[in-house]
Amino acid sequence: MRKDGGAMKSKSGEIKGNRCSKAFKSLGKTSGRRKAMPKTVELEIIQAMDRSKKNVELLRAKREVDQRKLHQPFDF
């Protein structure tokens, strides 16, 4: 896979269309070319989003546990 996320290149070499920075915008909609970006990039982005979502959920769970510990009286 190319570094620019499989982006289309014009003859002069500058990147046309979607690179990875713009990839999130094109996830939902399809462009004139049927797919706005290659499947592999799309999958990578979706996996990354899942990963970050899991991390957020873990952090939230940890925070809730910490809050509970704060409110309980200490029993030694």
PDB file of N, CA and C in Angstrom:
ATOM      1  N   MET A   1       0.833  -1.194   0.000  1.00  0.00           N
ATOM      2  CA  MET A   1       0.000   0.000   0.000  1.00  0.00           C
ATOM      3  C   MET A   1       0.873   1.251   0.000  1.00  0.00           C
ATOM      4  N   ARG A   2       0.436   2.282  -0.711  1.00  0.00           N
ATOM      5  CA  ARG A   2       1.238   3.502  -0.793  1.00  0.00           C
ATOM      6  C   ARG A   2       1.055   4.333   0.470  1.00  0.00           C
ATOM      7  N   LYS A   3       2.051   5.177   0.742  1.00  0.00           N
ATOM      8  CA  LYS A   3       2.027   5.973   1.969  1.00  0.00           C
ATOM      9  C   LYS A   3       0.851   6.949   1.995  1.00  0.00           C
ATOM     10  N   ASP A   4       0.446   7.440   0.814  1.00  0.00           N
ATOM     11  CA  ASP A   4      -0.608   8.460   0.790  1.00  0.00           C
ATOM     12  C   ASP A   4      -1.998   7.826   0.858  1.00  0.00           C
ATOM     13  N   GLY A   5      -2.086   6.587   1.298  1.00  0.00           N
ATOM     14  CA  GLY A   5      -3.397   5.968   1.468  1.00  0.00           C
ATOM     15  C   GLY A   5      -4.008   5.587   0.147  1.00  0.00           C
ATOM     16  N   GLY A   6      -3.196   5.285  -0.852  1.00  0.00           N
ATOM     17  CA  GLY A   6      -3.719   4.864  -2.141  1.00  0.00           C
ATOM     18  C   GLY A   6      -4.430   5.980  -2.875  1.00  0.00           C
ATOM     19  N   ALA A   7      -3.992   7.219  -2.665  1.00  0.00           N
ATOM     20  CA  ALA A   7      -4.660   8.355  -3.284  1.00  0.00           C
ATOM     21  C   ALA A   7      -4.326   8.428  -4.770  1.00  0.00           C
ATOM     22  N   MET A   8      -5.204   9.064  -5.529  1.00  0.00           N
ATOM     23  CA  MET A   8      -4.949   9.262  -6.954  1.00  0.00           C
ATOM     24  C   MET A   8      -3.894  10.356  -7.099  1.00  0.00           C
ATOM     25  N   LYS A   9      -3.019  10.216  -8.073  1.00  0.00           N
ATOM     26  CA  LYS A   9      -2.003  11.250  -8.285  1.00  0.00           C
ATOM     27  C   LYS A   9      -2.107  11.786  -9.701  1.00  0.00           C
ATOM     28  N   SER A  10      -1.965  13.085  -9.831  1.00  0.00           N
ATOM     29  CA  SER A  10      -1.933  13.663 -11.161  1.00  0.00           C
ATOM     30  C   SER A  10      -0.528  13.484 -11.723  1.00  0.00           C
ATOM     31  N   LYS A  11      -0.345  13.857 -12.992  1.00  0.00           N
ATOM     32  CA  LYS A  11       0.955  13.629 -13.637  1.00  0.00           C
ATOM     33  C   LYS A  11       2.070  14.388 -12.936  1.00  0.00           C
ATOM     34  N   SER A  12       1.749  15.576 -12.424  1.00  0.00           N
ATOM     35  CA  SER A  12       2.790  16.377 -11.774  1.00  0.00           C
ATOM     36  C   SER A  12       3.152  15.808 -10.404  1.00  0.00           C
ATOM     37  N   GLY A  13       2.332  14.889  -9.885  1.00  0.00           N
ATOM     38  CA  GLY A  13       2.705  14.205  -8.651  1.00  0.00           C
ATOM     39  C   GLY A  13       1.966  14.667  -7.421  1.00  0.00           C
ATOM     40  N   GLU A  14       1.162  15.752  -7.524  1.00  0.00           N
ATOM     41  CA  GLU A  14       0.450  16.134  -6.306  1.00  0.00           C
ATOM     42  C   GLU A  14      -0.776  15.221  -6.151  1.00  0.00           C
ATOM     43  N   ILE A  15      -1.212  15.085  -4.942  1.00  0.00           N
ATOM     44  CA  ILE A  15      -2.248  14.089  -4.644  1.00  0.00           C
ATOM     45  C   ILE A  15      -3.622  14.693  -4.914  1.00  0.00           C
ATOM     46  N   LYS A  16      -4.439  13.948  -5.653  1.00  0.00           N
ATOM     47  CA  LYS A  16      -5.802  14.395  -5.902  1.00  0.00           C
ATOM     48  C   LYS A  16      -6.742  13.658  -4.966  1.00  0.00           C
ATOM     49  N   GLY A  17      -7.877  14.260  -4.678  1.00  0.00           N
ATOM     50  CA  GLY A  17      -8.918  13.546  -3.950  1.00  0.00           C
ATOM     51  C   GLY A  17      -8.568  13.351  -2.493  1.00  0.00           C
ATOM     52  N   ASN A  18      -8.926  12.207  -1.954  1.00  0.00           N
ATOM     53  CA  ASN A  18      -8.876  11.996  -0.508  1.00  0.00           C
ATOM     54  C   ASN A  18      -7.573  11.349  -0.081  1.00  0.00           C
ATOM     55  N   ARG A  19      -6.889  12.005   0.854  1.00  0.00           N
ATOM     56  CA  ARG A  19      -5.853  11.281   1.551  1.00  0.00           C
ATOM     57  C   ARG A  19      -6.438  10.904   2.905  1.00  0.00           C
ATOM     58  N   CYS A  20      -5.588  10.400   3.773  1.00  0.00           N
ATOM     59  CA  CYS A  20      -6.108   9.874   5.029  1.00  0.00           C
ATOM     60  C   CYS A  20      -6.708  10.970   5.911  1.00  0.00           C
ATOM     61  N   SER A  21      -6.190  12.201   5.812  1.00  0.00           N
ATOM     62  CA  SER A  21      -6.727  13.260   6.651  1.00  0.00           C
ATOM     63  C   SER A  21      -8.185  13.540   6.300  1.00  0.00           C
ATOM     64  N   LYS A  22      -8.499  13.408   5.001  1.00  0.00           N
ATOM     65  CA  LYS A  22      -9.870  13.663   4.571  1.00  0.00           C
ATOM     66  C   LYS A  22     -10.715  12.401   4.598  1.00  0.00           C
ATOM     67  N   ALA A  23     -10.100  11.286   4.985  1.00  0.00           N
ATOM     68  CA  ALA A  23     -10.779   9.999   4.827  1.00  0.00           C
ATOM     69  C   ALA A  23     -12.046   9.918   5.674  1.00  0.00           C
ATOM     70  N   PHE A  24     -12.029  10.540   6.842  1.00  0.00           N
ATOM     71  CA  PHE A  24     -13.191  10.448   7.711  1.00  0.00           C
ATOM     72  C   PHE A  24     -14.419  11.059   7.051  1.00  0.00           C
ATOM     73  N   LYS A  25     -14.211  12.179   6.333  1.00  0.00           N
ATOM     74  CA  LYS A  25     -15.332  12.836   5.678  1.00  0.00           C
ATOM     75  C   LYS A  25     -15.964  11.934   4.637  1.00  0.00           C
ATOM     76  N   SER A  26     -15.116  11.176   3.917  1.00  0.00           N
ATOM     77  CA  SER A  26     -15.636  10.399   2.799  1.00  0.00           C
ATOM     78  C   SER A  26     -16.109   9.011   3.216  1.00  0.00           C
ATOM     79  N   LEU A  27     -16.048   8.714   4.526  1.00  0.00           N
ATOM     80  CA  LEU A  27     -16.466   7.378   4.950  1.00  0.00           C
ATOM     81  C   LEU A  27     -17.937   7.148   4.625  1.00  0.00           C
ATOM     82  N   GLY A  28     -18.785   8.130   4.961  1.00  0.00           N
ATOM     83  CA  GLY A  28     -20.216   7.930   4.806  1.00  0.00           C
ATOM     84  C   GLY A  28     -20.667   8.033   3.367  1.00  0.00           C
ATOM     85  N   LYS A  29     -20.118   8.990   2.641  1.00  0.00           N
ATOM     86  CA  LYS A  29     -20.628   9.242   1.290  1.00  0.00           C
ATOM     87  C   LYS A  29     -19.713   8.644   0.232  1.00  0.00           C
ATOM     88  N   THR A  30     -20.298   8.287  -0.889  1.00  0.00           N
ATOM     89  CA  THR A  30     -19.489   7.776  -1.997  1.00  0.00           C
ATOM     90  C   THR A  30     -19.380   8.880  -3.038  1.00  0.00           C
ATOM     91  N   SER A  31     -18.217   8.978  -3.646  1.00  0.00           N
ATOM     92  CA  SER A  31     -17.974  10.055  -4.603  1.00  0.00           C
ATOM     93  C   SER A  31     -18.405   9.612  -5.995  1.00  0.00           C
ATOM     94  N   GLY A  32     -18.062  10.413  -6.990  1.00  0.00           N
ATOM     95  CA  GLY A  32     -18.352  10.084  -8.386  1.00  0.00           C
ATOM     96  C   GLY A  32     -17.747   8.748  -8.755  1.00  0.00           C
ATOM     97  N   ARG A  33     -16.459   8.580  -8.453  1.00  0.00           N
ATOM     98  CA  ARG A  33     -15.922   7.228  -8.519  1.00  0.00           C
ATOM     99  C   ARG A  33     -16.629   6.491  -7.397  1.00  0.00           C
ATOM    100  N   ARG A  34     -17.072   5.298  -7.694  1.00  0.00           N
ATOM    101  CA  ARG A  34     -17.978   4.584  -6.793  1.00  0.00           C
ATOM    102  C   ARG A  34     -17.489   4.601  -5.348  1.00  0.00           C
ATOM    103  N   LYS A  35     -16.205   4.315  -5.134  1.00  0.00           N
ATOM    104  CA  LYS A  35     -15.665   4.357  -3.775  1.00  0.00           C
ATOM    105  C   LYS A  35     -14.729   5.552  -3.668  1.00  0.00           C
ATOM    106  N   ALA A  36     -14.895   6.322  -2.609  1.00  0.00           N
ATOM    107  CA  ALA A  36     -14.062   7.506  -2.445  1.00  0.00           C
ATOM    108  C   ALA A  36     -12.630   7.130  -2.115  1.00  0.00           C
ATOM    109  N   MET A  37     -12.447   5.985  -1.449  1.00  0.00           N
ATOM    110  CA  MET A  37     -11.090   5.573  -1.114  1.00  0.00           C
ATOM    111  C   MET A  37     -11.017   4.055  -1.079  1.00  0.00           C
ATOM    112  N   PRO A  38      -9.799   3.525  -1.143  1.00  0.00           N
ATOM    113  CA  PRO A  38      -9.646   2.082  -1.184  1.00  0.00           C
ATOM    114  C   PRO A  38     -10.162   1.405   0.088  1.00  0.00           C
ATOM    115  N   LYS A  39     -10.616   0.177  -0.067  1.00  0.00           N
ATOM    116  CA  LYS A  39     -11.207  -0.587   1.032  1.00  0.00           C
ATOM    117  C   LYS A  39     -10.247  -0.697   2.215  1.00  0.00           C
ATOM    118  N   THR A  40      -8.954  -0.956   1.925  1.00  0.00           N
ATOM    119  CA  THR A  40      -8.011  -1.201   3.012  1.00  0.00           C
ATOM    120  C   THR A  40      -7.918   0.011   3.934  1.00  0.00           C
ATOM    121  N   VAL A  41      -7.858   1.201   3.348  1.00  0.00           N
ATOM    122  CA  VAL A  41      -7.767   2.425   4.160  1.00  0.00           C
ATOM    123  C   VAL A  41      -9.024   2.554   5.005  1.00  0.00           C
ATOM    124  N   GLU A  42     -10.180   2.301   4.370  1.00  0.00           N
ATOM    125  CA  GLU A  42     -11.452   2.399   5.077  1.00  0.00           C
ATOM    126  C   GLU A  42     -11.451   1.462   6.284  1.00  0.00           C
ATOM    127  N   LEU A  43     -11.015   0.225   6.060  1.00  0.00           N
ATOM    128  CA  LEU A  43     -10.993  -0.756   7.146  1.00  0.00           C
ATOM    129  C   LEU A  43     -10.061  -0.306   8.264  1.00  0.00           C
ATOM    130  N   GLU A  44      -8.880   0.195   7.870  1.00  0.00           N
ATOM    131  CA  GLU A  44      -7.929   0.658   8.887  1.00  0.00           C
ATOM    132  C   GLU A  44      -8.550   1.750   9.740  1.00  0.00           C
ATOM    133  N   ILE A  45      -9.259   2.668   9.092  1.00  0.00           N
ATOM    134  CA  ILE A  45      -9.852   3.786   9.832  1.00  0.00           C
ATOM    135  C   ILE A  45     -10.929   3.270  10.776  1.00  0.00           C
ATOM    136  N   ILE A  46     -11.758   2.342  10.268  1.00  0.00           N
ATOM    137  CA  ILE A  46     -12.830   1.805  11.108  1.00  0.00           C
ATOM    138  C   ILE A  46     -12.232   1.086  12.317  1.00  0.00           C
ATOM    139  N   GLN A  47     -11.169   0.306  12.083  1.00  0.00           N
ATOM    140  CA  GLN A  47     -10.519  -0.396  13.193  1.00  0.00           C
ATOM    141  C   GLN A  47      -9.958   0.606  14.198  1.00  0.00           C
ATOM    142  N   ALA A  48      -9.347   1.675  13.693  1.00  0.00           N
ATOM    143  CA  ALA A  48      -8.774   2.682  14.586  1.00  0.00           C
ATOM    144  C   ALA A  48      -9.878   3.321  15.427  1.00  0.00           C
ATOM    145  N   MET A  49     -11.026   3.605  14.780  1.00  0.00           N
ATOM    146  CA  MET A  49     -12.137   4.201  15.510  1.00  0.00           C
ATOM    147  C   MET A  49     -12.626   3.243  16.592  1.00  0.00           C
ATOM    148  N   ASP A  50     -12.761   1.954  16.243  1.00  0.00           N
ATOM    149  CA  ASP A  50     -13.179   0.955  17.231  1.00  0.00           C
ATOM    150  C   ASP A  50     -12.215   0.936  18.406  1.00  0.00           C
ATOM    151  N   ARG A  51     -10.918   0.946  18.071  1.00  0.00           N
ATOM    152  CA  ARG A  51      -9.901   0.888  19.116  1.00  0.00           C
ATOM    153  C   ARG A  51     -10.056   2.080  20.061  1.00  0.00           C
ATOM    154  N   SER A  52     -10.197   3.282  19.492  1.00  0.00           N
ATOM    155  CA  SER A  52     -10.294   4.471  20.340  1.00  0.00           C
ATOM    156  C   SER A  52     -11.578   4.424  21.171  1.00  0.00           C
ATOM    157  N   LYS A  53     -12.663   3.883  20.557  1.00  0.00           N
ATOM    158  CA  LYS A  53     -13.922   3.776  21.296  1.00  0.00           C
ATOM    159  C   LYS A  53     -13.746   2.857  22.508  1.00  0.00           C
ATOM    160  N   LYS A  54     -13.057   1.715  22.282  1.00  0.00           N
ATOM    161  CA  LYS A  54     -12.810   0.778  23.382  1.00  0.00           C
ATOM    162  C   LYS A  54     -12.003   1.458  24.474  1.00  0.00           C
ATOM    163  N   ASN A  55     -10.962   2.210  24.072  1.00  0.00           N
ATOM    164  CA  ASN A  55     -10.128   2.895  25.057  1.00  0.00           C
ATOM    165  C   ASN A  55     -10.965   3.864  25.881  1.00  0.00           C
ATOM    166  N   VAL A  56     -11.850   4.592  25.197  1.00  0.00           N
ATOM    167  CA  VAL A  56     -12.695   5.565  25.901  1.00  0.00           C
ATOM    168  C   VAL A  56     -13.580   4.841  26.907  1.00  0.00           C
ATOM    169  N   GLU A  57     -14.168   3.696  26.472  1.00  0.00           N
ATOM    170  CA  GLU A  57     -15.044   2.949  27.380  1.00  0.00           C
ATOM    171  C   GLU A  57     -14.266   2.450  28.601  1.00  0.00           C
ATOM    172  N   LEU A  58     -13.029   1.947  28.350  1.00  0.00           N
ATOM    173  CA  LEU A  58     -12.208   1.475  29.464  1.00  0.00           C
ATOM    174  C   LEU A  58     -11.939   2.607  30.449  1.00  0.00           C
ATOM    175  N   LEU A  59     -11.566   3.775  29.903  1.00  0.00           N
ATOM    176  CA  LEU A  59     -11.275   4.919  30.770  1.00  0.00           C
ATOM    177  C   LEU A  59     -12.500   5.289  31.592  1.00  0.00           C
ATOM    178  N   ARG A  60     -13.673   5.254  30.930  1.00  0.00           N
ATOM    179  CA  ARG A  60     -14.905   5.633  31.624  1.00  0.00           C
ATOM    180  C   ARG A  60     -15.178   4.650  32.769  1.00  0.00           C
ATOM    181  N   ALA A  61     -14.995   3.355  32.497  1.00  0.00           N
ATOM    182  CA  ALA A  61     -15.218   2.336  33.530  1.00  0.00           C
ATOM    183  C   ALA A  61     -14.268   2.560  34.703  1.00  0.00           C
ATOM    184  N   LYS A  62     -12.983   2.820  34.381  1.00  0.00           N
ATOM    185  CA  LYS A  62     -12.000   3.065  35.433  1.00  0.00           C
ATOM    186  C   LYS A  62     -12.416   4.260  36.279  1.00  0.00           C
ATOM    187  N   ARG A  63     -12.871   5.320  35.588  1.00  0.00           N
ATOM    188  CA  ARG A  63     -13.240   6.534  36.301  1.00  0.00           C
ATOM    189  C   ARG A  63     -14.408   6.246  37.245  1.00  0.00           C
ATOM    190  N   GLU A  64     -15.394   5.464  36.781  1.00  0.00           N
ATOM    191  CA  GLU A  64     -16.542   5.133  37.622  1.00  0.00           C
ATOM    192  C   GLU A  64     -16.088   4.382  38.876  1.00  0.00           C
ATOM    193  N   VAL A  65     -15.178   3.420  38.670  1.00  0.00           N
ATOM    194  CA  VAL A  65     -14.663   2.659  39.819  1.00  0.00           C
ATOM    195  C   VAL A  65     -13.984   3.595  40.796  1.00  0.00           C
ATOM    196  N   ASP A  66     -13.161   4.519  40.266  1.00  0.00           N
ATOM    197  CA  ASP A  66     -12.465   5.468  41.136  1.00  0.00           C
ATOM    198  C   ASP A  66     -13.465   6.310  41.922  1.00  0.00           C
ATOM    199  N   GLN A  67     -14.532   6.752  41.232  1.00  0.00           N
ATOM    200  CA  GLN A  67     -15.552   7.564  41.905  1.00  0.00           C
ATOM    201  C   GLN A  67     -16.180   6.777  43.050  1.00  0.00           C
ATOM    202  N   ARG A  68     -16.504   5.497  42.779  1.00  0.00           N
ATOM    203  CA  ARG A  68     -17.120   4.660  43.810  1.00  0.00           C
ATOM    204  C   ARG A  68     -16.190   4.533  45.016  1.00  0.00           C
ATOM    205  N   LYS A  69     -14.898   4.348  44.730  1.00  0.00           N
ATOM    206  CA  LYS A  69     -13.931   4.214  45.820  1.00  0.00           C
ATOM    207  C   LYS A  69     -13.906   5.483  46.668  1.00  0.00           C
ATOM    208  N   LEU A  70     -14.053   6.639  45.996  1.00  0.00           N
ATOM    209  CA  LEU A  70     -14.008   7.908  46.718  1.00  0.00           C
ATOM    210  C   LEU A  70     -15.185   8.018  47.680  1.00  0.00           C
ATOM    211  N   HIS A  71     -16.370   7.577  47.223  1.00  0.00           N
ATOM    212  CA  HIS A  71     -17.578   7.782  48.026  1.00  0.00           C
ATOM    213  C   HIS A  71     -17.705   6.781  49.163  1.00  0.00           C
ATOM    214  N   GLN A  72     -17.084   5.626  49.037  1.00  0.00           N
ATOM    215  CA  GLN A  72     -17.222   4.624  50.094  1.00  0.00           C
ATOM    216  C   GLN A  72     -16.346   4.986  51.293  1.00  0.00           C
ATOM    217  N   PRO A  73     -16.856   4.721  52.489  1.00  0.00           N
ATOM    218  CA  PRO A  73     -15.991   4.895  53.662  1.00  0.00           C
ATOM    219  C   PRO A  73     -14.910   3.820  53.650  1.00  0.00           C
ATOM    220  N   PHE A  74     -13.738   4.174  54.114  1.00  0.00           N
ATOM    221  CA  PHE A  74     -12.642   3.205  54.091  1.00  0.00           C
ATOM    222  C   PHE A  74     -12.878   2.148  55.154  1.00  0.00           C
ATOM    223  N   ASP A  75     -12.782   0.873  54.741  1.00  0.00           N
ATOM    224  CA  ASP A  75     -12.897  -0.186  55.746  1.00  0.00           C
ATOM    225  C   ASP A  75     -11.583  -0.965  55.769  1.00  0.00           C
ATOM    226  N   PHE A  76     -10.808  -0.743  56.814  1.00  0.00           N
ATOM    227  CA  PHE A  76      -9.506  -1.419  56.920  1.00  0.00           C
ATOM    228  C   PHE A  76      -9.622  -2.618  57.846  1.00  0.00           C
TER     229      PHE A  76
END
